[in-house]
C-alpha atoms as a PDB file:
ATOM      1  CA  MET A   1     229.210 -96.037  58.169  1.00  0.00           C
ATOM      2  CA  ALA A   2     228.686 -95.568  54.425  1.00  0.00           C
ATOM      3  CA  ILE A   3     225.421 -93.670  54.954  1.00  0.00           C
ATOM      4  CA  LEU A   4     227.112 -91.324  57.442  1.00  0.00           C
ATOM      5  CA  ASN A   5     229.826 -90.635  54.861  1.00  0.00           C
ATOM      6  CA  LEU A   6     227.171 -89.855  52.249  1.00  0.00           C
ATOM      7  CA  ILE A   7     225.358 -87.517  54.641  1.00  0.00           C
ATOM      8  CA  PHE A   8     228.593 -85.708  55.514  1.00  0.00           C
ATOM      9  CA  GLU A   9     229.512 -85.403  51.822  1.00  0.00           C
ATOM     10  CA  CYS A  10     226.105 -83.866  51.133  1.00  0.00           C
ATOM     11  CA  PHE A  11     226.297 -81.531  54.114  1.00  0.00           C
ATOM     12  CA  TRP A  12     229.805 -80.399  53.140  1.00  0.00           C
ATOM     13  CA  PHE A  13     228.776 -79.871  49.523  1.00  0.00           C
ATOM     14  CA  LEU A  14     225.695 -77.814  50.413  1.00  0.00           C
ATOM     15  CA  LEU A  15     227.276 -75.875  53.301  1.00  0.00           C
ATOM     16  CA  PRO A  16     227.750 -72.687  51.207  1.00  0.00           C
ATOM     17  CA  GLY A  17     224.064 -72.862  50.255  1.00  0.00           C
ATOM     18  CA  TYR A  18     222.936 -73.492  53.833  1.00  0.00           C
ATOM     19  CA  LEU A  19     224.899 -70.493  55.079  1.00  0.00           C
ATOM     20  CA  ALA A  20     223.853 -68.264  52.160  1.00  0.00           C
ATOM     21  CA  ASN A  21     220.218 -69.124  52.825  1.00  0.00           C
ATOM     22  CA  SER A  22     220.632 -68.202  56.514  1.00  0.00           C
ATOM     23  CA  ALA A  23     222.713 -65.039  56.061  1.00  0.00           C
ATOM     24  CA  PRO A  24     219.813 -62.681  55.193  1.00  0.00           C
ATOM     25  CA  VAL A  25     218.174 -63.425  58.554  1.00  0.00           C
ATOM     26  CA  PHE A  26     221.311 -62.387  60.431  1.00  0.00           C
ATOM     27  CA  ALA A  27     221.868 -59.318  58.219  1.00  0.00           C
ATOM     28  CA  ARG A  28     218.304 -57.993  58.400  1.00  0.00           C
ATOM     29  CA  LYS A  29     219.136 -55.208  60.866  1.00  0.00           C
ATOM     30  CA  ILE A  30     221.982 -53.859  58.740  1.00  0.00           C
ATOM     31  CA  ASN A  31     220.819 -50.733  56.948  1.00  0.00           C
ATOM     32  CA  PHE A  32     222.594 -51.449  53.672  1.00  0.00           C
ATOM     33  CA  LEU A  33     220.997 -52.338  50.331  1.00  0.00           C
ATOM     34  CA  ASP A  34     217.652 -52.692  52.106  1.00  0.00           C
ATOM     35  CA  TYR A  35     215.696 -52.569  48.864  1.00  0.00           C
ATOM     36  CA  PRO A  36     213.339 -55.275  47.639  1.00  0.00           C
ATOM     37  CA  ILE A  37     214.623 -57.223  44.647  1.00  0.00           C
ATOM     38  CA  ASP A  38     211.214 -56.897  42.996  1.00  0.00           C
ATOM     39  CA  PHE A  39     211.322 -53.074  43.367  1.00  0.00           C
ATOM     40  CA  GLY A  40     207.767 -53.285  44.741  1.00  0.00           C
ATOM     41  CA  LYS A  41     206.399 -54.505  41.401  1.00  0.00           C
ATOM     42  CA  LYS A  42     203.110 -56.361  41.416  1.00  0.00           C
ATOM     43  CA  ILE A  43     201.345 -58.773  39.111  1.00  0.00           C
ATOM     44  CA  ASN A  44     197.576 -58.954  39.545  1.00  0.00           C
ATOM     45  CA  GLY A  45     197.913 -56.903  42.724  1.00  0.00           C
ATOM     46  CA  LYS A  46     200.446 -59.258  44.352  1.00  0.00           C
ATOM     47  CA  ARG A  47     204.147 -58.583  44.903  1.00  0.00           C
ATOM     48  CA  LEU A  48     206.525 -60.650  42.785  1.00  0.00           C
ATOM     49  CA  PHE A  49     208.621 -61.772  45.747  1.00  0.00           C
ATOM     50  CA  GLY A  50     207.594 -59.674  48.734  1.00  0.00           C
ATOM     51  CA  ALA A  51     209.335 -57.037  50.812  1.00  0.00           C
ATOM     52  CA  HIS A  52     211.551 -59.550  52.641  1.00  0.00           C
ATOM     53  CA  LYS A  53     213.598 -60.500  49.567  1.00  0.00           C
ATOM     54  CA  THR A  54     216.178 -57.713  49.433  1.00  0.00           C
ATOM     55  CA  PHE A  55     219.409 -56.813  47.713  1.00  0.00           C
ATOM     56  CA  ARG A  56     220.938 -56.791  51.211  1.00  0.00           C
ATOM     57  CA  GLY A  57     219.982 -60.453  51.674  1.00  0.00           C
ATOM     58  CA  TYR A  58     221.449 -61.417  48.313  1.00  0.00           C
ATOM     59  CA  PHE A  59     224.622 -59.415  48.977  1.00  0.00           C
ATOM     60  CA  PHE A  60     225.327 -60.933  52.385  1.00  0.00           C
ATOM     61  CA  GLY A  61     224.202 -64.409  51.325  1.00  0.00           C
ATOM     62  CA  ILE A  62     226.568 -64.415  48.363  1.00  0.00           C
ATOM     63  CA  ILE A  63     229.465 -62.982  50.421  1.00  0.00           C
ATOM     64  CA  VAL A  64     228.993 -65.677  53.091  1.00  0.00           C
ATOM     65  CA  SER A  65     228.841 -68.358  50.396  1.00  0.00           C
ATOM     66  CA  ILE A  66     232.034 -67.106  48.727  1.00  0.00           C
ATOM     67  CA  LEU A  67     233.860 -67.083  52.073  1.00  0.00           C
ATOM     68  CA  THR A  68     232.605 -70.608  52.820  1.00  0.00           C
ATOM     69  CA  VAL A  69     233.795 -71.930  49.454  1.00  0.00           C
ATOM     70  CA  TYR A  70     237.150 -70.207  50.031  1.00  0.00           C
ATOM     71  CA  VAL A  71     237.563 -72.093  53.333  1.00  0.00           C
ATOM     72  CA  GLN A  72     236.466 -75.329  51.649  1.00  0.00           C
ATOM     73  CA  THR A  73     239.075 -74.716  48.944  1.00  0.00           C
ATOM     74  CA  LEU A  74     241.804 -74.242  51.556  1.00  0.00           C
ATOM     75  CA  LEU A  75     240.720 -77.420  53.346  1.00  0.00           C
ATOM     76  CA  MET A  76     241.090 -79.519  50.187  1.00  0.00           C
ATOM     77  CA  ASN A  77     244.753 -79.962  51.205  1.00  0.00           C
ATOM     78  CA  ASN A  78     243.541 -81.935  54.223  1.00  0.00           C
ATOM     79  CA  PRO A  79     243.188 -85.675  53.446  1.00  0.00           C
ATOM     80  CA  PHE A  80     239.925 -85.932  55.424  1.00  0.00           C
ATOM     81  CA  PHE A  81     238.174 -83.252  53.364  1.00  0.00           C
ATOM     82  CA  MET A  82     239.704 -84.465  50.112  1.00  0.00           C
ATOM     83  CA  GLU A  83     238.325 -87.946  50.799  1.00  0.00           C
ATOM     84  CA  HIS A  84     234.882 -86.733  51.917  1.00  0.00           C
ATOM     85  CA  SER A  85     234.200 -84.084  49.274  1.00  0.00           C
ATOM     86  CA  ILE A  86     232.119 -84.861  46.217  1.00  0.00           C
ATOM     87  CA  LEU A  87     233.469 -81.678  44.622  1.00  0.00           C
ATOM     88  CA  ASN A  88     237.153 -80.775  44.472  1.00  0.00           C
ATOM     89  CA  TYR A  89     236.852 -77.080  45.306  1.00  0.00           C
ATOM     90  CA  SER A  90     240.510 -76.414  44.492  1.00  0.00           C
ATOM     91  CA  ASN A  91     239.817 -77.247  40.819  1.00  0.00           C
ATOM     92  CA  HIS A  92     237.456 -74.264  40.509  1.00  0.00           C
ATOM     93  CA  ASN A  93     237.524 -70.519  40.989  1.00  0.00           C
ATOM     94  CA  PHE A  94     236.235 -70.022  44.540  1.00  0.00           C
ATOM     95  CA  LEU A  95     234.646 -66.660  43.650  1.00  0.00           C
ATOM     96  CA  LEU A  96     232.592 -68.175  40.834  1.00  0.00           C
ATOM     97  CA  LEU A  97     231.680 -71.286  42.789  1.00  0.00           C
ATOM     98  CA  GLY A  98     230.744 -69.262  45.877  1.00  0.00           C
ATOM     99  CA  PHE A  99     228.612 -66.945  43.765  1.00  0.00           C
ATOM    100  CA  LEU A 100     226.808 -69.879  42.125  1.00  0.00           C
ATOM    101  CA  PHE A 101     226.064 -71.540  45.483  1.00  0.00           C
ATOM    102  CA  GLY A 102     224.935 -68.296  47.114  1.00  0.00           C
ATOM    103  CA  PHE A 103     222.906 -66.907  44.244  1.00  0.00           C
ATOM    104  CA  GLY A 104     221.391 -70.323  43.544  1.00  0.00           C
ATOM    105  CA  ALA A 105     220.239 -70.769  47.144  1.00  0.00           C
ATOM    106  CA  LEU A 106     218.711 -67.294  47.324  1.00  0.00           C
ATOM    107  CA  PHE A 107     217.171 -67.454  43.863  1.00  0.00           C
ATOM    108  CA  GLY A 108     215.548 -70.810  44.685  1.00  0.00           C
ATOM    109  CA  ASP A 109     214.067 -69.223  47.805  1.00  0.00           C
ATOM    110  CA  SER A 110     212.852 -66.197  45.813  1.00  0.00           C
ATOM    111  CA  VAL A 111     211.165 -68.333  43.148  1.00  0.00           C
ATOM    112  CA  LYS A 112     209.346 -70.256  45.879  1.00  0.00           C
ATOM    113  CA  SER A 113     208.274 -66.952  47.451  1.00  0.00           C
ATOM    114  CA  HIS A 114     206.866 -65.822  44.104  1.00  0.00           C
ATOM    115  CA  PHE A 115     204.688 -68.911  43.877  1.00  0.00           C
ATOM    116  CA  LYS A 116     203.621 -68.555  47.520  1.00  0.00           C
ATOM    117  CA  ARG A 117     202.396 -65.015  46.779  1.00  0.00           C
ATOM    118  CA  LYS A 118     200.723 -66.188  43.585  1.00  0.00           C
ATOM    119  CA  ILE A 119     198.644 -68.866  45.341  1.00  0.00           C
ATOM    120  CA  GLY A 120     197.859 -66.634  48.313  1.00  0.00           C
ATOM    121  CA  ILE A 121     200.162 -67.954  51.044  1.00  0.00           C
ATOM    122  CA  LYS A 122     201.186 -65.039  53.242  1.00  0.00           C
ATOM    123  CA  SER A 123     204.795 -64.189  54.005  1.00  0.00           C
ATOM    124  CA  GLY A 124     206.046 -66.164  57.000  1.00  0.00           C
ATOM    125  CA  LYS A 125     203.445 -68.916  56.606  1.00  0.00           C
ATOM    126  CA  SER A 126     204.707 -72.426  55.960  1.00  0.00           C
ATOM    127  CA  TRP A 127     204.461 -74.115  52.567  1.00  0.00           C
ATOM    128  CA  PHE A 128     205.650 -77.634  53.259  1.00  0.00           C
ATOM    129  CA  PRO A 129     207.889 -79.084  51.762  1.00  0.00           C
ATOM    130  CA  PHE A 130     208.856 -76.225  49.448  1.00  0.00           C
ATOM    131  CA  ASP A 131     209.984 -73.885  52.244  1.00  0.00           C
ATOM    132  CA  GLN A 132     212.431 -76.541  53.353  1.00  0.00           C
ATOM    133  CA  THR A 133     213.913 -77.513  49.977  1.00  0.00           C
ATOM    134  CA  ASP A 134     213.679 -74.470  47.681  1.00  0.00           C
ATOM    135  CA  PHE A 135     217.292 -73.396  48.125  1.00  0.00           C
ATOM    136  CA  VAL A 136     218.581 -76.940  47.471  1.00  0.00           C
ATOM    137  CA  PHE A 137     217.028 -76.969  44.008  1.00  0.00           C
ATOM    138  CA  GLY A 138     218.336 -73.457  43.353  1.00  0.00           C
ATOM    139  CA  VAL A 139     221.871 -74.542  44.266  1.00  0.00           C
ATOM    140  CA  LEU A 140     221.675 -77.694  42.141  1.00  0.00           C
ATOM    141  CA  ILE A 141     220.491 -75.714  39.103  1.00  0.00           C
ATOM    142  CA  PHE A 142     223.033 -72.896  39.381  1.00  0.00           C
ATOM    143  CA  VAL A 143     226.019 -75.102  40.266  1.00  0.00           C
ATOM    144  CA  ALA A 144     225.175 -77.566  37.442  1.00  0.00           C
ATOM    145  CA  PRO A 145     227.385 -75.846  34.822  1.00  0.00           C
ATOM    146  CA  VAL A 146     230.363 -76.572  37.103  1.00  0.00           C
ATOM    147  CA  PHE A 147     229.369 -79.775  38.900  1.00  0.00           C
ATOM    148  CA  ILE A 148     226.439 -82.203  38.975  1.00  0.00           C
ATOM    149  CA  PRO A 149     226.211 -84.514  42.013  1.00  0.00           C
ATOM    150  CA  SER A 150     225.159 -88.130  41.575  1.00  0.00           C
ATOM    151  CA  VAL A 151     221.454 -88.962  41.764  1.00  0.00           C
ATOM    152  CA  VAL A 152     222.046 -90.604  45.157  1.00  0.00           C
ATOM    153  CA  HIS A 153     223.733 -87.460  46.469  1.00  0.00           C
ATOM    154  CA  MET A 154     220.927 -85.274  45.101  1.00  0.00           C
ATOM    155  CA  ALA A 155     218.281 -87.410  46.809  1.00  0.00           C
ATOM    156  CA  ILE A 156     220.162 -87.288  50.112  1.00  0.00           C
ATOM    157  CA  LEU A 157     220.648 -83.514  49.731  1.00  0.00           C
ATOM    158  CA  VAL A 158     216.893 -82.991  49.468  1.00  0.00           C
ATOM    159  CA  VAL A 159     215.875 -85.411  52.244  1.00  0.00           C
ATOM    160  CA  PHE A 160     218.660 -84.384  54.637  1.00  0.00           C
ATOM    161  CA  SER A 161     217.971 -80.684  54.062  1.00  0.00           C
ATOM    162  CA  LEU A 162     214.260 -81.222  54.670  1.00  0.00           C
ATOM    163  CA  LEU A 163     214.897 -83.068  57.937  1.00  0.00           C
ATOM    164  CA  MET A 164     217.571 -80.621  59.079  1.00  0.00           C
ATOM    165  CA  HIS A 165     215.343 -77.627  58.346  1.00  0.00           C
ATOM    166  CA  LEU A 166     212.404 -79.147  60.229  1.00  0.00           C
ATOM    167  CA  THR A 167     214.644 -79.908  63.206  1.00  0.00           C
ATOM    168  CA  PHE A 168     216.098 -76.396  63.440  1.00  0.00           C
ATOM    169  CA  VAL A 169     212.754 -74.685  62.864  1.00  0.00           C
ATOM    170  CA  TYR A 170     211.195 -76.770  65.626  1.00  0.00           C
ATOM    171  CA  ILE A 171     214.069 -75.899  67.976  1.00  0.00           C
ATOM    172  CA  GLY A 172     213.475 -72.239  67.097  1.00  0.00           C
ATOM    173  CA  TYR A 173     209.798 -72.701  67.910  1.00  0.00           C
ATOM    174  CA  LEU A 174     210.631 -74.280  71.283  1.00  0.00           C
ATOM    175  CA  LEU A 175     212.990 -71.383  72.049  1.00  0.00           C
ATOM    176  CA  GLY A 176     210.307 -68.842  71.137  1.00  0.00           C
ATOM    177  CA  ILE A 177     212.204 -67.550  68.096  1.00  0.00           C
ATOM    178  CA  ARG A 178     209.634 -68.860  65.599  1.00  0.00           C
ATOM    179  CA  LYS A 179     205.864 -68.578  65.765  1.00  0.00           C
ATOM    180  CA  GLN A 180     205.103 -71.878  64.011  1.00  0.00           C
ATOM    181  CA  PRO A 181     206.594 -75.339  64.627  1.00  0.00           C
ATOM    182  CA  ILE A 182     207.000 -76.033  60.877  1.00  0.00           C
END
């Protein structure tokens, strides 16, 4: 039972990052702030981040993260969530915390995309395990000024996120939503 509690604590902690990382996919058809964050700039003929990293994605990712942290803050009055949270959200400004989770997740993904371009991996192609864990490291770095999880929690965050990502990507592949199984 202790391991399930740890997994839930990690999931609950990283939920704003998970949702922020997913939000750009759902917002991609919205014609708002559809400008690349790298402004089309290139280094050695390669885009810094690529055309898929947009201000729209950051905007919606951060908004979703802020809303998620707001709900988590409200739920801190519930004994279940108080007992199973590694971070007491009600002790922090939900706007700041939501921004840090959202921006951290998206920035981690953007940094990984930069290195993918740099070593010649095309957009949409898998770069295991970095595609599955980039946002976790971004969240951990940007949330660190406010909260640092234990080493055990950090390890579970990375492993659980990797396994969860692989599971959902494979389901997407089986449903015909994704072209590659990983």
